[in-house]
Amino acid sequence: MLAALFLSFAVIFVAELGDKSQLMAMTFALRHRWWVVLGGITVATTAVHLISVAVGHYLGAALPTHLLGILAGVAFVLFGLWTLRGDKLSDDEATRAQRTTAPAFFAVASAFLLAELGDKTMLATITLAADHDWVGVWIGSTIGMVAADALAILVGALAGKHLPERFIQLGAAALFVVFGLSMLIEGAFPTAPAVVIFGMSIAAVAVAAAAIRALPVRLRPAVLRADAAGVPAAASNASDESA
């Protein structure tokens, strides 16, 4: 069991370095408390890897991934649009924290659950579980992924303290949409190279951003109205609320 644990930890940790999961963790850490993000990732990872070792140990076959990939892509595009829209709650900070912590946790957990189903990390875990002790693979792969994503959370949390809120909101929204479009394109063209998929996603986001900026100011999301008005985003929002 220990051999399987250490092997799976090393394999999954290395596989996660530079993976979309780390970018997702960093993105979520820019918007939410680090412990909420880490908790959601841990729950989702534990569940996904339990499914993986069960498939690898008992069935020896992978779960169907085409539909799951499309569903995950749609979910991430929606996460991006939600982030771009911004938070419109106006309660005091204590009430605000109570209301946003639970939704943030479930958003992170569901996002990682959908993204990891059918991902290469899941397939690697299935492969390891087919030839090694499944308990060791489950524990090791879960710890390996959480450890890799914890590094990304640390980077995201530190960056969030030094970046303007508006920049964080726009960057997070763009990353979510890029992730979602990548999953949708990969589902439609499964044999396309990863570089091509990622490039097409970035190009689509750039075109969408240009189209939004071409809209009249009143039709743009609130976070993008400050450019045309020449006032800070907070002042723009305040004027909208007073109106």
C-alpha atoms as a PDB file:
ATOM      1  CA  MET A   1       0.000   0.000   0.000  1.00  0.00           C
ATOM      2  CA  LEU A   2       2.778   2.461   0.872  1.00  0.00           C
ATOM      3  CA  ALA A   3       4.485   1.806  -2.455  1.00  0.00           C
ATOM      4  CA  ALA A   4       1.252   2.524  -4.311  1.00  0.00           C
ATOM      5  CA  LEU A   5       0.679   5.640  -2.209  1.00  0.00           C
ATOM      6  CA  PHE A   6       4.095   7.162  -2.904  1.00  0.00           C
ATOM      7  CA  LEU A   7       4.024   6.194  -6.570  1.00  0.00           C
ATOM      8  CA  SER A   8       0.581   7.658  -7.189  1.00  0.00           C
ATOM      9  CA  PHE A   9       1.454  10.815  -5.221  1.00  0.00           C
ATOM     10  CA  ALA A  10       4.537  11.417  -7.379  1.00  0.00           C
ATOM     11  CA  VAL A  11       2.777  10.668 -10.666  1.00  0.00           C
ATOM     12  CA  ILE A  12      -0.266  12.849  -9.988  1.00  0.00           C
ATOM     13  CA  PHE A  13       1.701  15.712  -8.440  1.00  0.00           C
ATOM     14  CA  VAL A  14       3.959  15.930 -11.486  1.00  0.00           C
ATOM     15  CA  ALA A  15       0.997  15.531 -13.867  1.00  0.00           C
ATOM     16  CA  GLU A  16      -0.784  18.454 -12.200  1.00  0.00           C
ATOM     17  CA  LEU A  17       2.135  20.883 -12.552  1.00  0.00           C
ATOM     18  CA  GLY A  18       1.066  23.383 -15.207  1.00  0.00           C
ATOM     19  CA  ASP A  19      -2.254  21.585 -15.716  1.00  0.00           C
ATOM     20  CA  LYS A  20      -5.566  23.413 -16.092  1.00  0.00           C
ATOM     21  CA  SER A  21      -6.469  22.359 -12.540  1.00  0.00           C
ATOM     22  CA  GLN A  22      -3.684  24.533 -11.159  1.00  0.00           C
ATOM     23  CA  LEU A  23      -4.850  27.474 -13.264  1.00  0.00           C
ATOM     24  CA  MET A  24      -8.393  26.882 -12.034  1.00  0.00           C
ATOM     25  CA  ALA A  25      -7.225  26.798  -8.421  1.00  0.00           C
ATOM     26  CA  MET A  26      -5.277  30.025  -8.914  1.00  0.00           C
ATOM     27  CA  THR A  27      -8.301  31.668 -10.521  1.00  0.00           C
ATOM     28  CA  PHE A  28     -10.637  30.671  -7.707  1.00  0.00           C
ATOM     29  CA  ALA A  29      -8.082  31.836  -5.129  1.00  0.00           C
ATOM     30  CA  LEU A  30      -8.205  35.315  -6.673  1.00  0.00           C
ATOM     31  CA  ARG A  31     -11.922  35.524  -5.906  1.00  0.00           C
ATOM     32  CA  HIS A  32     -12.469  33.478  -2.737  1.00  0.00           C
ATOM     33  CA  ARG A  33     -10.788  32.660   0.576  1.00  0.00           C
ATOM     34  CA  TRP A  34      -7.951  30.150   0.218  1.00  0.00           C
ATOM     35  CA  TRP A  35      -9.434  27.690   2.701  1.00  0.00           C
ATOM     36  CA  VAL A  36     -12.764  27.650   0.846  1.00  0.00           C
ATOM     37  CA  VAL A  37     -10.980  26.889  -2.425  1.00  0.00           C
ATOM     38  CA  LEU A  38      -8.752  24.231  -0.874  1.00  0.00           C
ATOM     39  CA  GLY A  39     -11.739  22.612   0.840  1.00  0.00           C
ATOM     40  CA  GLY A  40     -13.736  22.457  -2.381  1.00  0.00           C
ATOM     41  CA  ILE A  41     -10.782  21.006  -4.284  1.00  0.00           C
ATOM     42  CA  THR A  42     -10.187  18.386  -1.581  1.00  0.00           C
ATOM     43  CA  VAL A  43     -13.814  17.225  -1.586  1.00  0.00           C
ATOM     44  CA  ALA A  44     -14.001  17.067  -5.385  1.00  0.00           C
ATOM     45  CA  THR A  45     -10.632  15.336  -5.697  1.00  0.00           C
ATOM     46  CA  THR A  46     -11.503  12.753  -3.061  1.00  0.00           C
ATOM     47  CA  ALA A  47     -14.735  11.907  -4.873  1.00  0.00           C
ATOM     48  CA  VAL A  48     -13.261  11.807  -8.383  1.00  0.00           C
ATOM     49  CA  HIS A  49     -10.298   9.678  -7.376  1.00  0.00           C
ATOM     50  CA  LEU A  50     -12.534   7.273  -5.471  1.00  0.00           C
ATOM     51  CA  ILE A  51     -14.503   6.794  -8.692  1.00  0.00           C
ATOM     52  CA  SER A  52     -11.238   6.409 -10.587  1.00  0.00           C
ATOM     53  CA  VAL A  53      -9.799   3.682  -8.383  1.00  0.00           C
ATOM     54  CA  ALA A  54     -13.145   1.883  -8.408  1.00  0.00           C
ATOM     55  CA  VAL A  55     -13.158   1.866 -12.196  1.00  0.00           C
ATOM     56  CA  GLY A  56      -9.517   0.841 -12.398  1.00  0.00           C
ATOM     57  CA  HIS A  57      -9.814  -1.880  -9.754  1.00  0.00           C
ATOM     58  CA  TYR A  58     -13.196  -3.409 -10.523  1.00  0.00           C
ATOM     59  CA  LEU A  59     -14.049  -2.565 -14.106  1.00  0.00           C
ATOM     60  CA  GLY A  60     -10.734  -1.837 -15.773  1.00  0.00           C
ATOM     61  CA  ALA A  61     -12.324   0.663 -18.138  1.00  0.00           C
ATOM     62  CA  ALA A  62     -12.650   4.432 -18.247  1.00  0.00           C
ATOM     63  CA  LEU A  63     -15.876   6.326 -17.801  1.00  0.00           C
ATOM     64  CA  PRO A  64     -17.388   7.937 -20.928  1.00  0.00           C
ATOM     65  CA  THR A  65     -15.905  11.404 -21.170  1.00  0.00           C
ATOM     66  CA  HIS A  66     -17.426  13.142 -24.223  1.00  0.00           C
ATOM     67  CA  LEU A  67     -20.642  14.350 -22.617  1.00  0.00           C
ATOM     68  CA  LEU A  68     -18.907  15.152 -19.316  1.00  0.00           C
ATOM     69  CA  GLY A  69     -16.376  17.327 -21.111  1.00  0.00           C
ATOM     70  CA  ILE A  70     -19.106  19.304 -22.861  1.00  0.00           C
ATOM     71  CA  LEU A  71     -21.016  19.751 -19.591  1.00  0.00           C
ATOM     72  CA  ALA A  72     -17.872  20.960 -17.845  1.00  0.00           C
ATOM     73  CA  GLY A  73     -17.183  23.411 -20.671  1.00  0.00           C
ATOM     74  CA  VAL A  74     -20.645  24.934 -20.445  1.00  0.00           C
ATOM     75  CA  ALA A  75     -20.303  25.196 -16.655  1.00  0.00           C
ATOM     76  CA  PHE A  76     -17.022  27.092 -16.934  1.00  0.00           C
ATOM     77  CA  VAL A  77     -18.366  29.533 -19.494  1.00  0.00           C
ATOM     78  CA  LEU A  78     -21.228  30.241 -17.076  1.00  0.00           C
ATOM     79  CA  PHE A  79     -18.719  30.701 -14.225  1.00  0.00           C
ATOM     80  CA  GLY A  80     -16.897  33.254 -16.371  1.00  0.00           C
ATOM     81  CA  LEU A  81     -20.064  35.202 -17.176  1.00  0.00           C
ATOM     82  CA  TRP A  82     -21.080  35.111 -13.517  1.00  0.00           C
ATOM     83  CA  THR A  83     -17.678  36.484 -12.499  1.00  0.00           C
ATOM     84  CA  LEU A  84     -17.857  39.223 -15.129  1.00  0.00           C
ATOM     85  CA  ARG A  85     -21.283  40.272 -13.882  1.00  0.00           C
ATOM     86  CA  GLY A  86     -19.839  40.807 -10.413  1.00  0.00           C
ATOM     87  CA  ASP A  87     -21.266  40.576  -6.900  1.00  0.00           C
ATOM     88  CA  LYS A  88     -24.265  42.839  -6.331  1.00  0.00           C
ATOM     89  CA  LEU A  89     -24.897  42.068  -2.662  1.00  0.00           C
ATOM     90  CA  SER A  90     -24.950  45.193  -0.489  1.00  0.00           C
ATOM     91  CA  ASP A  91     -25.165  43.689   3.041  1.00  0.00           C
ATOM     92  CA  ASP A  92     -22.514  44.309   5.700  1.00  0.00           C
ATOM     93  CA  GLU A  93     -19.287  42.302   5.554  1.00  0.00           C
ATOM     94  CA  ALA A  94     -20.285  39.688   8.143  1.00  0.00           C
ATOM     95  CA  THR A  95     -23.566  38.859   6.438  1.00  0.00           C
ATOM     96  CA  ARG A  96     -21.821  38.988   3.094  1.00  0.00           C
ATOM     97  CA  ALA A  97     -19.256  36.397   4.186  1.00  0.00           C
ATOM     98  CA  GLN A  98     -21.945  34.098   5.550  1.00  0.00           C
ATOM     99  CA  ARG A  99     -23.887  34.232   2.313  1.00  0.00           C
ATOM    100  CA  THR A 100     -20.979  33.812  -0.088  1.00  0.00           C
ATOM    101  CA  THR A 101     -18.826  31.177   1.620  1.00  0.00           C
ATOM    102  CA  ALA A 102     -21.144  28.220   1.060  1.00  0.00           C
ATOM    103  CA  PRO A 103     -21.946  29.040  -2.606  1.00  0.00           C
ATOM    104  CA  ALA A 104     -18.241  29.567  -3.280  1.00  0.00           C
ATOM    105  CA  PHE A 105     -17.400  26.184  -1.749  1.00  0.00           C
ATOM    106  CA  PHE A 106     -19.979  24.371  -3.860  1.00  0.00           C
ATOM    107  CA  ALA A 107     -18.958  26.311  -6.970  1.00  0.00           C
ATOM    108  CA  VAL A 108     -15.323  25.248  -6.518  1.00  0.00           C
ATOM    109  CA  ALA A 109     -16.212  21.641  -5.676  1.00  0.00           C
ATOM    110  CA  SER A 110     -18.616  21.248  -8.604  1.00  0.00           C
ATOM    111  CA  ALA A 111     -16.231  22.946 -11.034  1.00  0.00           C
ATOM    112  CA  PHE A 112     -13.354  20.641 -10.141  1.00  0.00           C
ATOM    113  CA  LEU A 113     -15.631  17.608 -10.088  1.00  0.00           C
ATOM    114  CA  LEU A 114     -16.820  18.300 -13.626  1.00  0.00           C
ATOM    115  CA  ALA A 115     -13.388  19.283 -14.907  1.00  0.00           C
ATOM    116  CA  GLU A 116     -11.599  16.242 -13.515  1.00  0.00           C
ATOM    117  CA  LEU A 117     -14.103  13.658 -14.766  1.00  0.00           C
ATOM    118  CA  GLY A 118     -12.412  12.308 -17.872  1.00  0.00           C
ATOM    119  CA  ASP A 119      -9.282  14.425 -17.390  1.00  0.00           C
ATOM    120  CA  LYS A 120      -5.834  12.898 -17.833  1.00  0.00           C
ATOM    121  CA  THR A 121      -5.392  12.859 -14.058  1.00  0.00           C
ATOM    122  CA  MET A 122      -8.437  10.643 -13.685  1.00  0.00           C
ATOM    123  CA  LEU A 123      -7.243   8.361 -16.454  1.00  0.00           C
ATOM    124  CA  ALA A 124      -3.802   8.149 -14.831  1.00  0.00           C
ATOM    125  CA  THR A 125      -5.411   7.232 -11.510  1.00  0.00           C
ATOM    126  CA  ILE A 126      -7.486   4.524 -13.194  1.00  0.00           C
ATOM    127  CA  THR A 127      -4.343   3.102 -14.787  1.00  0.00           C
ATOM    128  CA  LEU A 128      -2.461   3.094 -11.488  1.00  0.00           C
ATOM    129  CA  ALA A 129      -5.373   1.436  -9.662  1.00  0.00           C
ATOM    130  CA  ALA A 130      -5.499  -1.345 -12.235  1.00  0.00           C
ATOM    131  CA  ASP A 131      -2.032  -2.584 -11.204  1.00  0.00           C
ATOM    132  CA  HIS A 132      -1.541  -1.343  -7.621  1.00  0.00           C
ATOM    133  CA  ASP A 133      -3.295  -1.313  -4.274  1.00  0.00           C
ATOM    134  CA  TRP A 134      -6.411   0.800  -4.789  1.00  0.00           C
ATOM    135  CA  VAL A 135      -6.432   2.307  -1.300  1.00  0.00           C
ATOM    136  CA  GLY A 136      -2.852   3.480  -1.655  1.00  0.00           C
ATOM    137  CA  VAL A 137      -3.557   4.878  -5.120  1.00  0.00           C
ATOM    138  CA  TRP A 138      -6.646   6.697  -3.862  1.00  0.00           C
ATOM    139  CA  ILE A 139      -4.860   8.323  -0.938  1.00  0.00           C
ATOM    140  CA  GLY A 140      -1.677   9.097  -2.840  1.00  0.00           C
ATOM    141  CA  SER A 141      -3.376  10.522  -5.925  1.00  0.00           C
ATOM    142  CA  THR A 142      -5.708  12.671  -3.827  1.00  0.00           C
ATOM    143  CA  ILE A 143      -2.861  14.094  -1.754  1.00  0.00           C
ATOM    144  CA  GLY A 144      -0.761  14.641  -4.866  1.00  0.00           C
ATOM    145  CA  MET A 145      -3.430  16.664  -6.630  1.00  0.00           C
ATOM    146  CA  VAL A 146      -4.373  18.682  -3.548  1.00  0.00           C
ATOM    147  CA  ALA A 147      -0.702  19.471  -2.901  1.00  0.00           C
ATOM    148  CA  ALA A 148      -0.151  20.657  -6.482  1.00  0.00           C
ATOM    149  CA  ASP A 149      -3.282  22.795  -6.429  1.00  0.00           C
ATOM    150  CA  ALA A 150      -2.359  24.181  -3.001  1.00  0.00           C
ATOM    151  CA  LEU A 151       0.724  25.698  -4.625  1.00  0.00           C
ATOM    152  CA  ALA A 152      -1.492  27.390  -7.185  1.00  0.00           C
ATOM    153  CA  ILE A 153      -3.833  28.631  -4.448  1.00  0.00           C
ATOM    154  CA  LEU A 154      -0.862  30.167  -2.642  1.00  0.00           C
ATOM    155  CA  VAL A 155       0.183  32.002  -5.790  1.00  0.00           C
ATOM    156  CA  GLY A 156      -3.382  33.167  -6.433  1.00  0.00           C
ATOM    157  CA  ALA A 157      -3.880  34.332  -2.840  1.00  0.00           C
ATOM    158  CA  LEU A 158      -0.613  36.291  -2.834  1.00  0.00           C
ATOM    159  CA  ALA A 159      -1.334  37.829  -6.222  1.00  0.00           C
ATOM    160  CA  GLY A 160      -4.804  38.840  -5.091  1.00  0.00           C
ATOM    161  CA  LYS A 161      -3.321  41.068  -2.397  1.00  0.00           C
ATOM    162  CA  HIS A 162      -1.337  43.112  -4.912  1.00  0.00           C
ATOM    163  CA  LEU A 163      -3.689  43.328  -7.895  1.00  0.00           C
ATOM    164  CA  PRO A 164      -6.625  45.746  -8.369  1.00  0.00           C
ATOM    165  CA  GLU A 165     -10.058  44.194  -7.807  1.00  0.00           C
ATOM    166  CA  ARG A 166     -11.174  45.156 -11.314  1.00  0.00           C
ATOM    167  CA  PHE A 167      -8.164  43.456 -12.894  1.00  0.00           C
ATOM    168  CA  ILE A 168      -8.813  40.314 -10.837  1.00  0.00           C
ATOM    169  CA  GLN A 169     -12.478  40.225 -11.845  1.00  0.00           C
ATOM    170  CA  LEU A 170     -11.736  40.605 -15.555  1.00  0.00           C
ATOM    171  CA  GLY A 171      -8.833  38.144 -15.452  1.00  0.00           C
ATOM    172  CA  ALA A 172     -10.817  35.505 -13.582  1.00  0.00           C
ATOM    173  CA  ALA A 173     -13.776  35.840 -15.956  1.00  0.00           C
ATOM    174  CA  ALA A 174     -11.513  35.517 -18.998  1.00  0.00           C
ATOM    175  CA  LEU A 175      -9.761  32.444 -17.598  1.00  0.00           C
ATOM    176  CA  PHE A 176     -13.033  30.706 -16.775  1.00  0.00           C
ATOM    177  CA  VAL A 177     -14.336  31.298 -20.298  1.00  0.00           C
ATOM    178  CA  VAL A 178     -11.052  30.119 -21.829  1.00  0.00           C
ATOM    179  CA  PHE A 179     -11.249  26.914 -19.761  1.00  0.00           C
ATOM    180  CA  GLY A 180     -14.853  26.356 -20.793  1.00  0.00           C
ATOM    181  CA  LEU A 181     -14.261  26.969 -24.493  1.00  0.00           C
ATOM    182  CA  SER A 182     -11.213  24.683 -24.401  1.00  0.00           C
ATOM    183  CA  MET A 183     -13.341  21.859 -23.015  1.00  0.00           C
ATOM    184  CA  LEU A 184     -16.085  22.456 -25.602  1.00  0.00           C
ATOM    185  CA  ILE A 185     -13.613  22.564 -28.497  1.00  0.00           C
ATOM    186  CA  GLU A 186     -11.850  19.462 -27.201  1.00  0.00           C
ATOM    187  CA  GLY A 187     -15.217  17.685 -27.043  1.00  0.00           C
ATOM    188  CA  ALA A 188     -16.020  18.681 -30.630  1.00  0.00           C
ATOM    189  CA  PHE A 189     -12.516  17.959 -31.976  1.00  0.00           C
ATOM    190  CA  PRO A 190     -10.972  15.311 -29.680  1.00  0.00           C
ATOM    191  CA  THR A 191      -7.949  14.771 -31.916  1.00  0.00           C
ATOM    192  CA  ALA A 192      -6.969  18.436 -32.161  1.00  0.00           C
ATOM    193  CA  PRO A 193      -3.613  19.368 -30.547  1.00  0.00           C
ATOM    194  CA  ALA A 194      -3.830  21.035 -27.139  1.00  0.00           C
ATOM    195  CA  VAL A 195      -1.975  24.118 -28.432  1.00  0.00           C
ATOM    196  CA  VAL A 196      -4.534  24.590 -31.205  1.00  0.00           C
ATOM    197  CA  ILE A 197      -7.450  24.159 -28.789  1.00  0.00           C
ATOM    198  CA  PHE A 198      -6.015  26.660 -26.336  1.00  0.00           C
ATOM    199  CA  GLY A 199      -5.197  29.130 -29.121  1.00  0.00           C
ATOM    200  CA  MET A 200      -8.720  28.935 -30.528  1.00  0.00           C
ATOM    201  CA  SER A 201     -10.159  29.528 -27.043  1.00  0.00           C
ATOM    202  CA  ILE A 202      -8.011  32.612 -26.468  1.00  0.00           C
ATOM    203  CA  ALA A 203      -8.881  33.954 -29.917  1.00  0.00           C
ATOM    204  CA  ALA A 204     -12.596  33.482 -29.249  1.00  0.00           C
ATOM    205  CA  VAL A 205     -12.338  35.321 -25.928  1.00  0.00           C
ATOM    206  CA  ALA A 206     -10.408  38.156 -27.588  1.00  0.00           C
ATOM    207  CA  VAL A 207     -13.078  38.516 -30.275  1.00  0.00           C
ATOM    208  CA  ALA A 208     -15.832  38.481 -27.642  1.00  0.00           C
ATOM    209  CA  ALA A 209     -13.999  41.128 -25.597  1.00  0.00           C
ATOM    210  CA  ALA A 210     -13.649  43.346 -28.649  1.00  0.00           C
ATOM    211  CA  ALA A 211     -17.350  42.924 -29.431  1.00  0.00           C
ATOM    212  CA  ILE A 212     -18.324  43.864 -25.864  1.00  0.00           C
ATOM    213  CA  ARG A 213     -16.144  46.987 -25.949  1.00  0.00           C
ATOM    214  CA  ALA A 214     -17.836  47.988 -29.216  1.00  0.00           C
ATOM    215  CA  LEU A 215     -21.226  48.014 -27.487  1.00  0.00           C
ATOM    216  CA  PRO A 216     -22.742  51.249 -26.158  1.00  0.00           C
ATOM    217  CA  VAL A 217     -21.529  51.974 -22.640  1.00  0.00           C
ATOM    218  CA  ARG A 218     -24.921  51.312 -21.054  1.00  0.00           C
ATOM    219  CA  LEU A 219     -25.004  47.786 -22.504  1.00  0.00           C
ATOM    220  CA  ARG A 220     -21.590  46.757 -21.201  1.00  0.00           C
ATOM    221  CA  PRO A 221     -21.052  44.873 -17.923  1.00  0.00           C
ATOM    222  CA  ALA A 222     -20.548  47.299 -15.040  1.00  0.00           C
ATOM    223  CA  VAL A 223     -16.871  46.382 -14.664  1.00  0.00           C
ATOM    224  CA  LEU A 224     -16.213  47.534 -18.264  1.00  0.00           C
ATOM    225  CA  ARG A 225     -18.063  50.838 -18.058  1.00  0.00           C
ATOM    226  CA  ALA A 226     -15.270  52.652 -16.219  1.00  0.00           C
ATOM    227  CA  ASP A 227     -13.053  52.765 -19.318  1.00  0.00           C
ATOM    228  CA  ALA A 228     -15.487  54.844 -21.325  1.00  0.00           C
ATOM    229  CA  ALA A 229     -16.660  56.950 -18.410  1.00  0.00           C
ATOM    230  CA  GLY A 230     -13.139  57.745 -17.268  1.00  0.00           C
ATOM    231  CA  VAL A 231     -14.023  57.077 -13.619  1.00  0.00           C
ATOM    232  CA  PRO A 232     -13.080  54.288 -11.239  1.00  0.00           C
ATOM    233  CA  ALA A 233     -15.285  51.173 -11.271  1.00  0.00           C
ATOM    234  CA  ALA A 234     -16.455  51.823  -7.715  1.00  0.00           C
ATOM    235  CA  ALA A 235     -17.626  55.314  -8.601  1.00  0.00           C
ATOM    236  CA  SER A 236     -19.375  54.011 -11.706  1.00  0.00           C
ATOM    237  CA  ASN A 237     -21.194  51.379  -9.684  1.00  0.00           C
ATOM    238  CA  ALA A 238     -22.215  53.935  -7.094  1.00  0.00           C
ATOM    239  CA  SER A 239     -23.688  56.207  -9.720  1.00  0.00           C
ATOM    240  CA  ASP A 240     -25.627  53.300 -11.226  1.00  0.00           C
ATOM    241  CA  GLU A 241     -27.086  52.369  -7.836  1.00  0.00           C
ATOM    242  CA  SER A 242     -28.071  55.973  -7.047  1.00  0.00           C
ATOM    243  CA  ALA A 243     -29.826  56.210 -10.384  1.00  0.00           C
END
